[in-house]
Protein backbone atom coordinates (compact mmCIF):
# COMPACT_ATOMS: atom_id res chain seq x y z
CA UNK A 1 0.00 0.00 0.00
CA UNK A 2 1.38 3.40 -1.02
CA UNK A 3 0.19 6.73 0.42
CA UNK A 4 0.08 9.53 -2.16
CA UNK A 5 -0.47 13.20 -1.31
CA UNK A 6 -3.24 14.66 -3.47
CA UNK A 7 -2.00 17.80 -5.19
CA UNK A 8 -3.96 20.85 -6.28
CA UNK A 9 -3.11 19.90 -9.87
CA UNK A 10 -4.73 16.46 -9.38
CA UNK A 11 -7.91 18.10 -8.04
CA UNK A 12 -8.07 20.57 -10.95
CA UNK A 13 -7.60 17.76 -13.52
CA UNK A 14 -10.22 15.63 -11.75
CA UNK A 15 -12.73 18.50 -11.66
CA UNK A 16 -12.19 19.10 -15.37
CA UNK A 17 -12.77 15.38 -16.16
CA UNK A 18 -15.82 15.35 -13.89
CA UNK A 19 -17.38 18.21 -15.82
CA UNK A 20 -16.56 16.50 -19.13
CA UNK A 21 -18.03 13.19 -17.97
CA UNK A 22 -21.23 14.32 -16.29
CA UNK A 23 -23.25 11.95 -14.11
CA UNK A 24 -22.48 8.23 -14.42
CA UNK A 25 -25.67 6.24 -15.05
CA UNK A 26 -24.52 3.00 -13.41
CA UNK A 27 -22.52 4.48 -10.54
CA UNK A 28 -23.39 2.92 -7.18
CA UNK A 29 -23.17 6.38 -5.62
CA UNK A 30 -25.15 8.02 -8.44
CA UNK A 31 -22.15 10.09 -9.49
CA UNK A 32 -21.18 11.37 -6.03
CA UNK A 33 -17.81 9.61 -6.25
CA UNK A 34 -16.87 10.78 -9.75
CA UNK A 35 -14.35 13.40 -8.54
CA UNK A 36 -12.72 10.89 -6.19
CA UNK A 37 -12.69 8.35 -9.02
CA UNK A 38 -10.75 10.66 -11.31
CA UNK A 39 -8.32 11.45 -8.49
CA UNK A 40 -7.92 7.70 -7.97
CA UNK A 41 -7.04 7.30 -11.64
CA UNK A 42 -4.32 9.93 -11.32
CA UNK A 43 -2.95 8.23 -8.20
CA UNK A 44 -2.78 4.88 -10.03
CA UNK A 45 -1.15 6.61 -13.00
CA UNK A 46 1.50 8.14 -10.71
CA UNK A 47 2.28 4.72 -9.16
CA UNK A 48 1.96 2.48 -12.24
CA UNK A 49 2.95 4.82 -15.06
CA UNK A 50 1.41 4.70 -18.52
CA UNK A 51 -1.07 6.99 -20.24
CA UNK A 52 -4.40 8.26 -18.87
CA UNK A 53 -6.97 7.09 -21.43
CA UNK A 54 -10.26 7.10 -19.52
CA UNK A 55 -12.55 4.89 -21.61
CA UNK A 56 -15.52 2.81 -20.45
CA UNK A 57 -13.36 -0.34 -20.47
CA UNK A 58 -10.16 1.02 -18.91
CA UNK A 59 -8.56 4.15 -17.50
CA UNK A 60 -4.83 3.65 -18.11
CA UNK A 61 -2.73 2.06 -20.83
CA UNK A 62 0.60 0.88 -19.42
CA UNK A 63 3.84 1.18 -21.38
CA UNK A 64 3.65 -2.58 -22.13
CA UNK A 65 0.18 -2.15 -23.69
CA UNK A 66 -1.80 -3.69 -20.83
CA UNK A 67 -4.95 -1.82 -19.83
CA UNK A 68 -5.91 -0.92 -16.27
CA UNK A 69 -9.32 -0.10 -14.85
CA UNK A 70 -9.04 1.83 -11.58
CA UNK A 71 -11.61 1.21 -8.84
CA UNK A 72 -11.76 3.96 -6.22
CA UNK A 73 -13.58 4.24 -2.91
CA UNK A 74 -13.76 7.24 -0.62
CA UNK A 75 -12.74 6.86 3.01
CA UNK A 76 -12.50 8.88 6.19
CA UNK A 77 -9.67 6.77 7.66
CA UNK A 78 -6.46 5.19 6.41
CA UNK A 79 -7.29 1.72 5.04
CA UNK A 80 -6.22 -1.38 6.93
CA UNK A 81 -4.79 -4.38 5.12
CA UNK A 82 -7.85 -6.56 5.71
CA UNK A 83 -10.24 -4.03 4.12
CA UNK A 84 -11.79 -5.24 0.89
CA UNK A 85 -11.72 -3.92 -2.63
CA UNK A 86 -14.73 -4.37 -4.89
CA UNK A 87 -15.64 -4.79 -8.53
CA UNK A 88 -19.37 -4.36 -9.13
CA UNK A 89 -21.02 -7.18 -11.08
CA UNK A 90 -22.14 -4.48 -13.56
CA UNK A 91 -18.47 -3.92 -14.45
CA UNK A 92 -17.34 -7.51 -15.05
CA UNK A 93 -17.62 -7.13 -18.83
CA UNK A 94 -15.14 -4.24 -19.03
CA UNK A 95 -12.32 -5.07 -21.42
CA UNK A 96 -9.28 -4.46 -19.26
CA UNK A 97 -6.29 -6.58 -18.29
CA UNK A 98 -5.77 -5.37 -14.72
CA UNK A 99 -7.79 -3.83 -11.91
CA UNK A 100 -6.07 -1.29 -9.66
CA UNK A 101 -7.58 -0.15 -6.37
CA UNK A 102 -7.34 3.23 -4.66
CA UNK A 103 -8.88 4.79 -1.56
CA UNK A 104 -9.24 8.59 -1.51
CA UNK A 105 -9.65 10.42 1.79
CA UNK A 106 -12.89 12.41 1.75
CA UNK A 107 -11.08 15.70 2.47
CA UNK A 108 -8.96 15.08 -0.70
CA UNK A 109 -5.69 15.40 1.21
CA UNK A 110 -4.29 11.92 0.62
CA UNK A 111 -5.01 8.71 -1.25
CA UNK A 112 -3.74 5.17 -0.94
CA UNK A 113 -2.80 2.99 -3.88
CA UNK A 114 -3.85 -0.38 -2.47
CA UNK A 115 -2.50 -2.66 -5.18
CA UNK A 116 -3.63 -4.32 -8.40
CA UNK A 117 -4.65 -7.71 -9.74
CA UNK A 118 -4.83 -9.32 -13.16
CA UNK A 119 -8.54 -9.40 -14.10
CA UNK A 120 -8.72 -13.18 -14.57
CA UNK A 121 -6.92 -13.84 -11.27
CA UNK A 122 -9.18 -11.35 -9.52
CA UNK A 123 -12.36 -13.21 -10.46
CA UNK A 124 -10.79 -16.62 -9.74
CA UNK A 125 -10.07 -15.56 -6.15
CA UNK A 126 -12.63 -12.88 -5.26
CA UNK A 127 -15.63 -13.52 -3.03
CA UNK A 128 -19.07 -12.79 -4.51
CA UNK A 129 -21.33 -10.58 -2.37
CA UNK A 130 -25.00 -10.14 -3.24
CA UNK A 131 -26.82 -6.81 -2.82
CA UNK A 132 -28.11 -6.67 0.75
CA UNK A 133 -25.46 -9.06 2.13
CA UNK A 134 -23.70 -7.87 5.24
CA UNK A 135 -19.92 -7.85 5.21
CA UNK A 136 -18.87 -9.83 8.29
CA UNK A 137 -15.78 -7.73 8.97
CA UNK A 138 -17.42 -4.32 9.19
CA UNK A 139 -21.20 -4.87 8.99
CA UNK A 140 -21.36 -2.84 5.76
CA UNK A 141 -24.46 -3.74 3.75
CA UNK A 142 -23.51 -4.36 0.12
CA UNK A 143 -25.29 -1.86 -2.19
CA UNK A 144 -24.82 -3.79 -5.43
CA UNK A 145 -23.80 -7.33 -6.38
CA UNK A 146 -20.00 -7.35 -6.38
CA UNK A 147 -16.81 -9.36 -6.15
CA UNK A 148 -14.56 -8.53 -3.18
CA UNK A 149 -10.91 -9.18 -2.38
CA UNK A 150 -8.87 -8.17 0.67
CA UNK A 151 -6.12 -5.60 0.17
CA UNK A 152 -3.60 -8.21 1.41
CA UNK A 153 -4.45 -10.39 -1.63
CA UNK A 154 -3.60 -7.68 -4.18
CA UNK A 155 -0.28 -7.46 -6.01
CA UNK A 156 1.96 -4.63 -4.87
CA UNK A 157 4.10 -2.54 -7.22
CA UNK A 158 7.76 -3.50 -7.35
């Protein structure tokens, strides 16, 4: 897990992308997390390198040609290693090679690059949670069918 300070430049770029994008129709948070999502993409880009592409299927194209879709959650506390990362069932058809996971602090001061996982490996090892299920670790009620994996099971950058 890598902590990354969020810069003013990141916020400006994210606000610009948010205005370009508009409201996301299938967002679990009905678009409320769009700004944080674009900040998360910039954090992943800073850690992983590549080019910010921002398509429906992926957000980053790495130098080796692999595509990365970045999944971001907002948080009020630093994440712990047993916290889970999620891919909504709605997003399983995205054509990407890798998922990367980021948590952005709600005050936009810092973010954490949590790690990444090859898409096929992610779904082989993730735990399916149905909408309405309660997460046993934190009693969070799942808002949408999703596949979860603990931060400790993600690959860390070398």
